[in-house]
Amino acid sequence: SDANAYYKASVQGRFTISRDNATNTVYLFMNSLKPEDTAVYY
């Protein structure tokens, strides 16, 4: 029920979370990736 998504400060402006309810899919769009973004994403 939150109109605004929350982003960790270090990814603010580079990452975007979205959902497609029709296909039951969640997305994470990641731009301008940096070496410190290396991780397992869940």
PDB file of all heavy atoms in Angstrom:
ATOM      1  N   SER A   1       0.811  -1.211   0.000  1.00  0.00           N
ATOM      2  CA  SER A   1       0.000   0.000   0.000  1.00  0.00           C
ATOM      3  C   SER A   1       0.846   1.263   0.000  1.00  0.00           C
ATOM      4  O   SER A   1       0.385   2.327   0.410  1.00  0.00           O
ATOM      5  CB  SER A   1      -0.938   0.009   1.214  1.00  0.00           C
ATOM      6  OG  SER A   1      -0.190   0.004   2.408  1.00  0.00           O
ATOM      7  N   ASP A   2       2.067   1.134  -0.441  1.00  0.00           N
ATOM      8  CA  ASP A   2       3.001   2.261  -0.473  1.00  0.00           C
ATOM      9  C   ASP A   2       3.168   2.714  -1.921  1.00  0.00           C
ATOM     10  O   ASP A   2       3.634   1.947  -2.757  1.00  0.00           O
ATOM     11  CB  ASP A   2       4.347   1.831   0.119  1.00  0.00           C
ATOM     12  CG  ASP A   2       5.209   3.019   0.504  1.00  0.00           C
ATOM     13  OD1 ASP A   2       4.998   4.101  -0.060  1.00  0.00           O
ATOM     14  OD2 ASP A   2       6.085   2.849   1.363  1.00  0.00           O
ATOM     15  N   ALA A   3       2.816   3.962  -2.191  1.00  0.00           N
ATOM     16  CA  ALA A   3       2.883   4.455  -3.563  1.00  0.00           C
ATOM     17  C   ALA A   3       4.323   4.601  -4.052  1.00  0.00           C
ATOM     18  O   ALA A   3       4.582   4.565  -5.245  1.00  0.00           O
ATOM     19  CB  ALA A   3       2.160   5.790  -3.668  1.00  0.00           C
ATOM     20  N   ASN A   4       5.242   4.778  -3.121  1.00  0.00           N
ATOM     21  CA  ASN A   4       6.636   5.008  -3.492  1.00  0.00           C
ATOM     22  C   ASN A   4       7.500   3.823  -3.067  1.00  0.00           C
ATOM     23  O   ASN A   4       7.461   3.400  -1.918  1.00  0.00           O
ATOM     24  CB  ASN A   4       7.162   6.274  -2.828  1.00  0.00           C
ATOM     25  CG  ASN A   4       6.402   7.499  -3.289  1.00  0.00           C
ATOM     26  OD1 ASN A   4       6.221   7.708  -4.478  1.00  0.00           O
ATOM     27  ND2 ASN A   4       5.947   8.299  -2.337  1.00  0.00           N
ATOM     28  N   ALA A   5       8.296   3.335  -3.985  1.00  0.00           N
ATOM     29  CA  ALA A   5       9.231   2.271  -3.664  1.00  0.00           C
ATOM     30  C   ALA A   5      10.395   2.837  -2.857  1.00  0.00           C
ATOM     31  O   ALA A   5      10.679   4.041  -2.910  1.00  0.00           O
ATOM     32  CB  ALA A   5       9.749   1.609  -4.937  1.00  0.00           C
ATOM     33  N   TYR A   6      11.049   1.967  -2.121  1.00  0.00           N
ATOM     34  CA  TYR A   6      12.241   2.354  -1.367  1.00  0.00           C
ATOM     35  C   TYR A   6      13.462   1.751  -2.045  1.00  0.00           C
ATOM     36  O   TYR A   6      13.433   0.600  -2.480  1.00  0.00           O
ATOM     37  CB  TYR A   6      12.158   1.828   0.062  1.00  0.00           C
ATOM     38  CG  TYR A   6      13.476   1.921   0.809  1.00  0.00           C
ATOM     39  CD1 TYR A   6      13.876   3.100   1.408  1.00  0.00           C
ATOM     40  CD2 TYR A   6      14.328   0.817   0.871  1.00  0.00           C
ATOM     41  CE1 TYR A   6      15.088   3.186   2.075  1.00  0.00           C
ATOM     42  CE2 TYR A   6      15.539   0.900   1.528  1.00  0.00           C
ATOM     43  CZ  TYR A   6      15.918   2.084   2.133  1.00  0.00           C
ATOM     44  OH  TYR A   6      17.119   2.170   2.781  1.00  0.00           O
ATOM     45  N   TYR A   7      14.529   2.537  -2.137  1.00  0.00           N
ATOM     46  CA  TYR A   7      15.780   2.067  -2.716  1.00  0.00           C
ATOM     47  C   TYR A   7      16.927   2.337  -1.758  1.00  0.00           C
ATOM     48  O   TYR A   7      16.991   3.403  -1.132  1.00  0.00           O
ATOM     49  CB  TYR A   7      16.065   2.760  -4.045  1.00  0.00           C
ATOM     50  CG  TYR A   7      15.046   2.458  -5.120  1.00  0.00           C
ATOM     51  CD1 TYR A   7      13.936   3.264  -5.312  1.00  0.00           C
ATOM     52  CD2 TYR A   7      15.197   1.331  -5.928  1.00  0.00           C
ATOM     53  CE1 TYR A   7      12.997   2.973  -6.285  1.00  0.00           C
ATOM     54  CE2 TYR A   7      14.259   1.026  -6.902  1.00  0.00           C
ATOM     55  CZ  TYR A   7      13.164   1.859  -7.078  1.00  0.00           C
ATOM     56  OH  TYR A   7      12.236   1.549  -8.036  1.00  0.00           O
ATOM     57  N   LYS A   8      17.814   1.369  -1.671  1.00  0.00           N
ATOM     58  CA  LYS A   8      19.048   1.584  -0.926  1.00  0.00           C
ATOM     59  C   LYS A   8      19.767   2.781  -1.549  1.00  0.00           C
ATOM     60  O   LYS A   8      19.754   2.950  -2.771  1.00  0.00           O
ATOM     61  CB  LYS A   8      19.918   0.322  -1.017  1.00  0.00           C
ATOM     62  CG  LYS A   8      21.256   0.400  -0.333  1.00  0.00           C
ATOM     63  CD  LYS A   8      21.995  -0.911  -0.481  1.00  0.00           C
ATOM     64  CE  LYS A   8      23.427  -0.759  -0.022  1.00  0.00           C
ATOM     65  NZ  LYS A   8      23.509  -0.389   1.406  1.00  0.00           N
ATOM     66  N   ALA A   9      20.385   3.589  -0.719  1.00  0.00           N
ATOM     67  CA  ALA A   9      20.972   4.839  -1.193  1.00  0.00           C
ATOM     68  C   ALA A   9      21.951   4.636  -2.344  1.00  0.00           C
ATOM     69  O   ALA A   9      21.980   5.416  -3.307  1.00  0.00           O
ATOM     70  CB  ALA A   9      21.647   5.563  -0.033  1.00  0.00           C
ATOM     71  N   SER A  10      22.740   3.570  -2.271  1.00  0.00           N
ATOM     72  CA  SER A  10      23.782   3.367  -3.277  1.00  0.00           C
ATOM     73  C   SER A  10      23.235   2.964  -4.645  1.00  0.00           C
ATOM     74  O   SER A  10      23.971   2.986  -5.638  1.00  0.00           O
ATOM     75  CB  SER A  10      24.783   2.323  -2.798  1.00  0.00           C
ATOM     76  OG  SER A  10      24.147   1.074  -2.610  1.00  0.00           O
ATOM     77  N   VAL A  11      21.944   2.594  -4.722  1.00  0.00           N
ATOM     78  CA  VAL A  11      21.364   2.216  -6.009  1.00  0.00           C
ATOM     79  C   VAL A  11      20.291   3.200  -6.468  1.00  0.00           C
ATOM     80  O   VAL A  11      19.774   3.076  -7.585  1.00  0.00           O
ATOM     81  CB  VAL A  11      20.760   0.792  -5.976  1.00  0.00           C
ATOM     82  CG1 VAL A  11      21.773  -0.208  -5.446  1.00  0.00           C
ATOM     83  CG2 VAL A  11      19.470   0.743  -5.183  1.00  0.00           C
ATOM     84  N   GLN A  12      19.978   4.169  -5.616  1.00  0.00           N
ATOM     85  CA  GLN A  12      18.967   5.176  -5.953  1.00  0.00           C
ATOM     86  C   GLN A  12      19.321   5.858  -7.268  1.00  0.00           C
ATOM     87  O   GLN A  12      20.442   6.310  -7.478  1.00  0.00           O
ATOM     88  CB  GLN A  12      18.882   6.216  -4.825  1.00  0.00           C
ATOM     89  CG  GLN A  12      17.886   7.321  -5.060  1.00  0.00           C
ATOM     90  CD  GLN A  12      16.456   6.878  -4.829  1.00  0.00           C
ATOM     91  OE1 GLN A  12      16.166   6.197  -3.857  1.00  0.00           O
ATOM     92  NE2 GLN A  12      15.580   7.251  -5.734  1.00  0.00           N
ATOM     93  N   GLY A  13      18.354   5.912  -8.179  1.00  0.00           N
ATOM     94  CA  GLY A  13      18.589   6.537  -9.480  1.00  0.00           C
ATOM     95  C   GLY A  13      19.157   5.603 -10.530  1.00  0.00           C
ATOM     96  O   GLY A  13      19.170   5.933 -11.719  1.00  0.00           O
ATOM     97  N   ARG A  14      19.629   4.433 -10.106  1.00  0.00           N
ATOM     98  CA  ARG A  14      20.186   3.459 -11.065  1.00  0.00           C
ATOM     99  C   ARG A  14      19.313   2.214 -11.193  1.00  0.00           C
ATOM    100  O   ARG A  14      19.251   1.613 -12.258  1.00  0.00           O
ATOM    101  CB  ARG A  14      21.589   3.036 -10.627  1.00  0.00           C
ATOM    102  CG  ARG A  14      22.597   4.166 -10.562  1.00  0.00           C
ATOM    103  CD  ARG A  14      24.011   3.625 -10.324  1.00  0.00           C
ATOM    104  NE  ARG A  14      24.148   2.937  -9.042  1.00  0.00           N
ATOM    105  CZ  ARG A  14      24.534   1.660  -8.911  1.00  0.00           C
ATOM    106  NH1 ARG A  14      24.812   0.940  -9.989  1.00  0.00           N
ATOM    107  NH2 ARG A  14      24.656   1.116  -7.716  1.00  0.00           N
ATOM    108  N   PHE A  15      18.653   1.821 -10.120  1.00  0.00           N
ATOM    109  CA  PHE A  15      17.829   0.611 -10.114  1.00  0.00           C
ATOM    110  C   PHE A  15      16.347   0.997 -10.060  1.00  0.00           C
ATOM    111  O   PHE A  15      15.971   1.999  -9.434  1.00  0.00           O
ATOM    112  CB  PHE A  15      18.140  -0.252  -8.895  1.00  0.00           C
ATOM    113  CG  PHE A  15      19.476  -0.941  -8.920  1.00  0.00           C
ATOM    114  CD1 PHE A  15      20.463  -0.612  -9.827  1.00  0.00           C
ATOM    115  CD2 PHE A  15      19.751  -1.950  -7.998  1.00  0.00           C
ATOM    116  CE1 PHE A  15      21.696  -1.259  -9.833  1.00  0.00           C
ATOM    117  CE2 PHE A  15      20.979  -2.611  -7.992  1.00  0.00           C
ATOM    118  CZ  PHE A  15      21.939  -2.253  -8.905  1.00  0.00           C
ATOM    119  N   THR A  16      15.514   0.158 -10.675  1.00  0.00           N
ATOM    120  CA  THR A  16      14.070   0.353 -10.630  1.00  0.00           C
ATOM    121  C   THR A  16      13.384  -0.992 -10.414  1.00  0.00           C
ATOM    122  O   THR A  16      13.656  -1.950 -11.147  1.00  0.00           O
ATOM    123  CB  THR A  16      13.550   0.984 -11.927  1.00  0.00           C
ATOM    124  OG1 THR A  16      14.221   2.224 -12.160  1.00  0.00           O
ATOM    125  CG2 THR A  16      12.048   1.231 -11.833  1.00  0.00           C
ATOM    126  N   ILE A  17      12.498  -1.038  -9.432  1.00  0.00           N
ATOM    127  CA  ILE A  17      11.709  -2.248  -9.183  1.00  0.00           C
ATOM    128  C   ILE A  17      10.334  -2.064  -9.817  1.00  0.00           C
ATOM    129  O   ILE A  17       9.763  -0.969  -9.782  1.00  0.00           O
ATOM    130  CB  ILE A  17      11.588  -2.528  -7.666  1.00  0.00           C
ATOM    131  CG1 ILE A  17      10.868  -3.857  -7.422  1.00  0.00           C
ATOM    132  CG2 ILE A  17      10.894  -1.378  -6.936  1.00  0.00           C
ATOM    133  CD1 ILE A  17      10.867  -4.287  -5.960  1.00  0.00           C
ATOM    134  N   SER A  18       9.840  -3.129 -10.420  1.00  0.00           N
ATOM    135  CA  SER A  18       8.505  -3.049 -10.992  1.00  0.00           C
ATOM    136  C   SER A  18       7.867  -4.431 -10.963  1.00  0.00           C
ATOM    137  O   SER A  18       8.548  -5.438 -10.727  1.00  0.00           O
ATOM    138  CB  SER A  18       8.539  -2.510 -12.427  1.00  0.00           C
ATOM    139  OG  SER A  18       9.142  -3.452 -13.299  1.00  0.00           O
ATOM    140  N   ARG A  19       6.579  -4.468 -11.202  1.00  0.00           N
ATOM    141  CA  ARG A  19       5.868  -5.740 -11.250  1.00  0.00           C
ATOM    142  C   ARG A  19       4.914  -5.759 -12.424  1.00  0.00           C
ATOM    143  O   ARG A  19       4.399  -4.728 -12.830  1.00  0.00           O
ATOM    144  CB  ARG A  19       5.100  -5.983  -9.954  1.00  0.00           C
ATOM    145  CG  ARG A  19       3.876  -5.084  -9.781  1.00  0.00           C
ATOM    146  CD  ARG A  19       3.065  -5.479  -8.564  1.00  0.00           C
ATOM    147  NE  ARG A  19       3.657  -5.014  -7.329  1.00  0.00           N
ATOM    148  CZ  ARG A  19       3.346  -5.510  -6.134  1.00  0.00           C
ATOM    149  NH1 ARG A  19       2.488  -6.494  -6.028  1.00  0.00           N
ATOM    150  NH2 ARG A  19       3.918  -5.040  -5.054  1.00  0.00           N
ATOM    151  N   ASP A  20       4.679  -6.956 -12.938  1.00  0.00           N
ATOM    152  CA  ASP A  20       3.677  -7.176 -13.965  1.00  0.00           C
ATOM    153  C   ASP A  20       2.693  -8.182 -13.387  1.00  0.00           C
ATOM    154  O   ASP A  20       2.963  -9.385 -13.374  1.00  0.00           O
ATOM    155  CB  ASP A  20       4.332  -7.698 -15.244  1.00  0.00           C
ATOM    156  CG  ASP A  20       3.324  -7.866 -16.374  1.00  0.00           C
ATOM    157  OD1 ASP A  20       2.113  -7.926 -16.097  1.00  0.00           O
ATOM    158  OD2 ASP A  20       3.759  -7.950 -17.530  1.00  0.00           O
ATOM    159  N   ASN A  21       1.578  -7.697 -12.907  1.00  0.00           N
ATOM    160  CA  ASN A  21       0.614  -8.587 -12.266  1.00  0.00           C
ATOM    161  C   ASN A  21      -0.006  -9.578 -13.257  1.00  0.00           C
ATOM    162  O   ASN A  21      -0.415 -10.669 -12.880  1.00  0.00           O
ATOM    163  CB  ASN A  21      -0.484  -7.780 -11.584  1.00  0.00           C
ATOM    164  CG  ASN A  21       0.029  -7.020 -10.366  1.00  0.00           C
ATOM    165  OD1 ASN A  21       1.046  -7.391  -9.771  1.00  0.00           O
ATOM    166  ND2 ASN A  21      -0.655  -5.962  -9.989  1.00  0.00           N
ATOM    167  N   ALA A  22      -0.063  -9.206 -14.512  1.00  0.00           N
ATOM    168  CA  ALA A  22      -0.664 -10.096 -15.513  1.00  0.00           C
ATOM    169  C   ALA A  22       0.159 -11.364 -15.698  1.00  0.00           C
ATOM    170  O   ALA A  22      -0.388 -12.436 -15.977  1.00  0.00           O
ATOM    171  CB  ALA A  22      -0.805  -9.362 -16.837  1.00  0.00           C
ATOM    172  N   THR A  23       1.464 -11.236 -15.568  1.00  0.00           N
ATOM    173  CA  THR A  23       2.343 -12.404 -15.744  1.00  0.00           C
ATOM    174  C   THR A  23       2.939 -12.869 -14.419  1.00  0.00           C
ATOM    175  O   THR A  23       3.777 -13.773 -14.402  1.00  0.00           O
ATOM    176  CB  THR A  23       3.487 -12.075 -16.712  1.00  0.00           C
ATOM    177  OG1 THR A  23       4.255 -10.985 -16.174  1.00  0.00           O
ATOM    178  CG2 THR A  23       2.947 -11.693 -18.086  1.00  0.00           C
ATOM    179  N   ASN A  24       2.529 -12.230 -13.317  1.00  0.00           N
ATOM    180  CA  ASN A  24       3.051 -12.593 -11.996  1.00  0.00           C
ATOM    181  C   ASN A  24       4.578 -12.526 -11.937  1.00  0.00           C
ATOM    182  O   ASN A  24       5.238 -13.439 -11.417  1.00  0.00           O
ATOM    183  CB  ASN A  24       2.573 -14.005 -11.607  1.00  0.00           C
ATOM    184  CG  ASN A  24       1.645 -13.985 -10.413  1.00  0.00           C
ATOM    185  OD1 ASN A  24       0.960 -13.006 -10.145  1.00  0.00           O
ATOM    186  ND2 ASN A  24       1.621 -15.078  -9.672  1.00  0.00           N
ATOM    187  N   THR A  25       5.113 -11.455 -12.485  1.00  0.00           N
ATOM    188  CA  THR A  25       6.566 -11.304 -12.577  1.00  0.00           C
ATOM    189  C   THR A  25       7.015 -10.006 -11.919  1.00  0.00           C
ATOM    190  O   THR A  25       6.389  -8.961 -12.096  1.00  0.00           O
ATOM    191  CB  THR A  25       7.030 -11.330 -14.038  1.00  0.00           C
ATOM    192  OG1 THR A  25       6.563 -12.533 -14.654  1.00  0.00           O
ATOM    193  CG2 THR A  25       8.542 -11.280 -14.130  1.00  0.00           C
ATOM    194  N   VAL A  26       8.102 -10.095 -11.177  1.00  0.00           N
ATOM    195  CA  VAL A  26       8.735  -8.933 -10.562  1.00  0.00           C
ATOM    196  C   VAL A  26      10.042  -8.673 -11.290  1.00  0.00           C
ATOM    197  O   VAL A  26      10.767  -9.621 -11.627  1.00  0.00           O
ATOM    198  CB  VAL A  26       9.013  -9.199  -9.069  1.00  0.00           C
ATOM    199  CG1 VAL A  26       9.646  -7.971  -8.420  1.00  0.00           C
ATOM    200  CG2 VAL A  26       7.732  -9.584  -8.349  1.00  0.00           C
ATOM    201  N   TYR A  27      10.342  -7.411 -11.533  1.00  0.00           N
ATOM    202  CA  TYR A  27      11.556  -7.057 -12.258  1.00  0.00           C
ATOM    203  C   TYR A  27      12.442  -6.145 -11.411  1.00  0.00           C
ATOM    204  O   TYR A  27      11.961  -5.394 -10.569  1.00  0.00           O
ATOM    205  CB  TYR A  27      11.235  -6.324 -13.562  1.00  0.00           C
ATOM    206  CG  TYR A  27      10.469  -7.138 -14.554  1.00  0.00           C
ATOM    207  CD1 TYR A  27       9.100  -6.957 -14.727  1.00  0.00           C
ATOM    208  CD2 TYR A  27      11.114  -8.098 -15.342  1.00  0.00           C
ATOM    209  CE1 TYR A  27       8.385  -7.703 -15.652  1.00  0.00           C
ATOM    210  CE2 TYR A  27      10.409  -8.853 -16.272  1.00  0.00           C
ATOM    211  CZ  TYR A  27       9.045  -8.652 -16.417  1.00  0.00           C
ATOM    212  OH  TYR A  27       8.347  -9.401 -17.327  1.00  0.00           O
ATOM    213  N   LEU A  28      13.741  -6.218 -11.692  1.00  0.00           N
ATOM    214  CA  LEU A  28      14.683  -5.226 -11.182  1.00  0.00           C
ATOM    215  C   LEU A  28      15.529  -4.780 -12.368  1.00  0.00           C
ATOM    216  O   LEU A  28      16.318  -5.558 -12.911  1.00  0.00           O
ATOM    217  CB  LEU A  28      15.574  -5.798 -10.078  1.00  0.00           C
ATOM    218  CG  LEU A  28      16.528  -4.779  -9.451  1.00  0.00           C
ATOM    219  CD1 LEU A  28      15.742  -3.734  -8.662  1.00  0.00           C
ATOM    220  CD2 LEU A  28      17.536  -5.471  -8.528  1.00  0.00           C
ATOM    221  N   PHE A  29      15.338  -3.521 -12.770  1.00  0.00           N
ATOM    222  CA  PHE A  29      16.126  -2.946 -13.841  1.00  0.00           C
ATOM    223  C   PHE A  29      17.337  -2.275 -13.212  1.00  0.00           C
ATOM    224  O   PHE A  29      17.196  -1.416 -12.347  1.00  0.00           O
ATOM    225  CB  PHE A  29      15.300  -1.924 -14.624  1.00  0.00           C
ATOM    226  CG  PHE A  29      14.121  -2.516 -15.335  1.00  0.00           C
ATOM    227  CD1 PHE A  29      12.893  -2.634 -14.696  1.00  0.00           C
ATOM    228  CD2 PHE A  29      14.239  -2.977 -16.634  1.00  0.00           C
ATOM    229  CE1 PHE A  29      11.804  -3.187 -15.346  1.00  0.00           C
ATOM    230  CE2 PHE A  29      13.151  -3.527 -17.297  1.00  0.00           C
ATOM    231  CZ  PHE A  29      11.935  -3.636 -16.654  1.00  0.00           C
ATOM    232  N   MET A  30      18.519  -2.673 -13.662  1.00  0.00           N
ATOM    233  CA  MET A  30      19.757  -2.172 -13.074  1.00  0.00           C
ATOM    234  C   MET A  30      20.577  -1.490 -14.167  1.00  0.00           C
ATOM    235  O   MET A  30      20.970  -2.127 -15.144  1.00  0.00           O
ATOM    236  CB  MET A  30      20.559  -3.312 -12.449  1.00  0.00           C
ATOM    237  CG  MET A  30      19.771  -4.136 -11.430  1.00  0.00           C
ATOM    238  SD  MET A  30      20.769  -5.371 -10.585  1.00  0.00           S
ATOM    239  CE  MET A  30      21.163  -6.444 -11.943  1.00  0.00           C
ATOM    240  N   ASN A  31      20.827  -0.198 -13.985  1.00  0.00           N
ATOM    241  CA  ASN A  31      21.611   0.581 -14.943  1.00  0.00           C
ATOM    242  C   ASN A  31      22.905   1.047 -14.289  1.00  0.00           C
ATOM    243  O   ASN A  31      23.029   1.079 -13.067  1.00  0.00           O
ATOM    244  CB  ASN A  31      20.799   1.786 -15.418  1.00  0.00           C
ATOM    245  CG  ASN A  31      19.535   1.391 -16.148  1.00  0.00           C
ATOM    246  OD1 ASN A  31      19.547   0.482 -16.978  1.00  0.00           O
ATOM    247  ND2 ASN A  31      18.442   2.071 -15.851  1.00  0.00           N
ATOM    248  N   SER A  32      23.851   1.434 -15.134  1.00  0.00           N
ATOM    249  CA  SER A  32      25.136   1.978 -14.668  1.00  0.00           C
ATOM    250  C   SER A  32      25.740   1.105 -13.574  1.00  0.00           C
ATOM    251  O   SER A  32      26.119   1.579 -12.501  1.00  0.00           O
ATOM    252  CB  SER A  32      24.931   3.407 -14.147  1.00  0.00           C
ATOM    253  OG  SER A  32      24.388   4.233 -15.141  1.00  0.00           O
ATOM    254  N   LEU A  33      25.829  -0.171 -13.858  1.00  0.00           N
ATOM    255  CA  LEU A  33      26.302  -1.117 -12.852  1.00  0.00           C
ATOM    256  C   LEU A  33      27.743  -0.863 -12.456  1.00  0.00           C
ATOM    257  O   LEU A  33      28.577  -0.439 -13.279  1.00  0.00           O
ATOM    258  CB  LEU A  33      26.130  -2.543 -13.363  1.00  0.00           C
ATOM    259  CG  LEU A  33      24.687  -3.055 -13.281  1.00  0.00           C
ATOM    260  CD1 LEU A  33      24.484  -4.260 -14.183  1.00  0.00           C
ATOM    261  CD2 LEU A  33      24.314  -3.391 -11.844  1.00  0.00           C
ATOM    262  N   LYS A  34      28.028  -1.129 -11.190  1.00  0.00           N
ATOM    263  CA  LYS A  34      29.361  -0.923 -10.629  1.00  0.00           C
ATOM    264  C   LYS A  34      29.876  -2.232 -10.051  1.00  0.00           C
ATOM    265  O   LYS A  34      29.079  -3.105  -9.679  1.00  0.00           O
ATOM    266  CB  LYS A  34      29.287   0.121  -9.506  1.00  0.00           C
ATOM    267  CG  LYS A  34      28.696   1.452  -9.929  1.00  0.00           C
ATOM    268  CD  LYS A  34      28.551   2.387  -8.740  1.00  0.00           C
ATOM    269  CE  LYS A  34      27.941   3.713  -9.155  1.00  0.00           C
ATOM    270  NZ  LYS A  34      27.812   4.647  -8.001  1.00  0.00           N
ATOM    271  N   PRO A  35      31.184  -2.382  -9.927  1.00  0.00           N
ATOM    272  CA  PRO A  35      31.721  -3.615  -9.332  1.00  0.00           C
ATOM    273  C   PRO A  35      31.137  -3.912  -7.952  1.00  0.00           C
ATOM    274  O   PRO A  35      30.957  -5.086  -7.606  1.00  0.00           O
ATOM    275  CB  PRO A  35      33.226  -3.328  -9.261  1.00  0.00           C
ATOM    276  CG  PRO A  35      33.473  -2.400 -10.394  1.00  0.00           C
ATOM    277  CD  PRO A  35      32.251  -1.522 -10.455  1.00  0.00           C
ATOM    278  N   GLU A  36      30.834  -2.890  -7.192  1.00  0.00           N
ATOM    279  CA  GLU A  36      30.275  -3.100  -5.856  1.00  0.00           C
ATOM    280  C   GLU A  36      28.830  -3.599  -5.885  1.00  0.00           C
ATOM    281  O   GLU A  36      28.255  -3.908  -4.828  1.00  0.00           O
ATOM    282  CB  GLU A  36      30.369  -1.827  -5.004  1.00  0.00           C
ATOM    283  CG  GLU A  36      29.823  -0.583  -5.675  1.00  0.00           C
ATOM    284  CD  GLU A  36      30.908   0.239  -6.335  1.00  0.00           C
ATOM    285  OE1 GLU A  36      31.810  -0.359  -6.985  1.00  0.00           O
ATOM    286  OE2 GLU A  36      30.848   1.488  -6.229  1.00  0.00           O
ATOM    287  N   ASP A  37      28.221  -3.672  -7.059  1.00  0.00           N
ATOM    288  CA  ASP A  37      26.894  -4.269  -7.185  1.00  0.00           C
ATOM    289  C   ASP A  37      26.969  -5.795  -7.312  1.00  0.00           C
ATOM    290  O   ASP A  37      25.937  -6.470  -7.342  1.00  0.00           O
ATOM    291  CB  ASP A  37      26.161  -3.715  -8.412  1.00  0.00           C
ATOM    292  CG  ASP A  37      25.849  -2.234  -8.283  1.00  0.00           C
ATOM    293  OD1 ASP A  37      25.468  -1.799  -7.170  1.00  0.00           O
ATOM    294  OD2 ASP A  37      25.992  -1.517  -9.289  1.00  0.00           O
ATOM    295  N   THR A  38      28.160  -6.331  -7.402  1.00  0.00           N
ATOM    296  CA  THR A  38      28.335  -7.772  -7.499  1.00  0.00           C
ATOM    297  C   THR A  38      27.780  -8.466  -6.271  1.00  0.00           C
ATOM    298  O   THR A  38      28.151  -8.132  -5.134  1.00  0.00           O
ATOM    299  CB  THR A  38      29.829  -8.112  -7.656  1.00  0.00           C
ATOM    300  OG1 THR A  38      30.299  -7.603  -8.902  1.00  0.00           O
ATOM    301  CG2 THR A  38      30.054  -9.619  -7.611  1.00  0.00           C
ATOM    302  N   ALA A  39      26.865  -9.413  -6.498  1.00  0.00           N
ATOM    303  CA  ALA A  39      26.204 -10.099  -5.386  1.00  0.00           C
ATOM    304  C   ALA A  39      25.246 -11.152  -5.946  1.00  0.00           C
ATOM    305  O   ALA A  39      24.963 -11.165  -7.146  1.00  0.00           O
ATOM    306  CB  ALA A  39      25.419  -9.108  -4.534  1.00  0.00           C
ATOM    307  N   VAL A  40      24.760 -11.997  -5.052  1.00  0.00           N
ATOM    308  CA  VAL A  40      23.613 -12.847  -5.379  1.00  0.00           C
ATOM    309  C   VAL A  40      22.362 -12.031  -5.065  1.00  0.00           C
ATOM    310  O   VAL A  40      22.227 -11.506  -3.953  1.00  0.00           O
ATOM    311  CB  VAL A  40      23.628 -14.153  -4.577  1.00  0.00           C
ATOM    312  CG1 VAL A  40      22.374 -14.980  -4.891  1.00  0.00           C
ATOM    313  CG2 VAL A  40      24.888 -14.959  -4.887  1.00  0.00           C
ATOM    314  N   TYR A  41      21.478 -11.935  -6.027  1.00  0.00           N
ATOM    315  CA  TYR A  41      20.257 -11.142  -5.879  1.00  0.00           C
ATOM    316  C   TYR A  41      19.072 -12.080  -5.665  1.00  0.00           C
ATOM    317  O   TYR A  41      18.890 -13.050  -6.421  1.00  0.00           O
ATOM    318  CB  TYR A  41      20.033 -10.279  -7.120  1.00  0.00           C
ATOM    319  CG  TYR A  41      20.927  -9.069  -7.147  1.00  0.00           C
ATOM    320  CD1 TYR A  41      22.286  -9.199  -7.427  1.00  0.00           C
ATOM    321  CD2 TYR A  41      20.427  -7.795  -6.887  1.00  0.00           C
ATOM    322  CE1 TYR A  41      23.123  -8.095  -7.435  1.00  0.00           C
ATOM    323  CE2 TYR A  41      21.253  -6.682  -6.890  1.00  0.00           C
ATOM    324  CZ  TYR A  41      22.598  -6.845  -7.159  1.00  0.00           C
ATOM    325  OH  TYR A  41      23.426  -5.740  -7.167  1.00  0.00           O
ATOM    326  N   TYR A  42      18.273 -11.763  -4.655  1.00  0.00           N
ATOM    327  CA  TYR A  42      17.109 -12.560  -4.298  1.00  0.00           C
ATOM    328  C   TYR A  42      15.845 -11.712  -4.419  1.00  0.00           C
ATOM    329  O   TYR A  42      15.827 -10.555  -3.992  1.00  0.00           O
ATOM    330  CB  TYR A  42      17.201 -13.046  -2.854  1.00  0.00           C
ATOM    331  CG  TYR A  42      18.420 -13.871  -2.533  1.00  0.00           C
ATOM    332  CD1 TYR A  42      19.602 -13.272  -2.103  1.00  0.00           C
ATOM    333  CD2 TYR A  42      18.387 -15.263  -2.651  1.00  0.00           C
ATOM    334  CE1 TYR A  42      20.723 -14.029  -1.800  1.00  0.00           C
ATOM    335  CE2 TYR A  42      19.505 -16.029  -2.348  1.00  0.00           C
ATOM    336  CZ  TYR A  42      20.665 -15.400  -1.925  1.00  0.00           C
ATOM    337  OH  TYR A  42      21.773 -16.153  -1.630  1.00  0.00           O
TER     338      TYR A  42
END
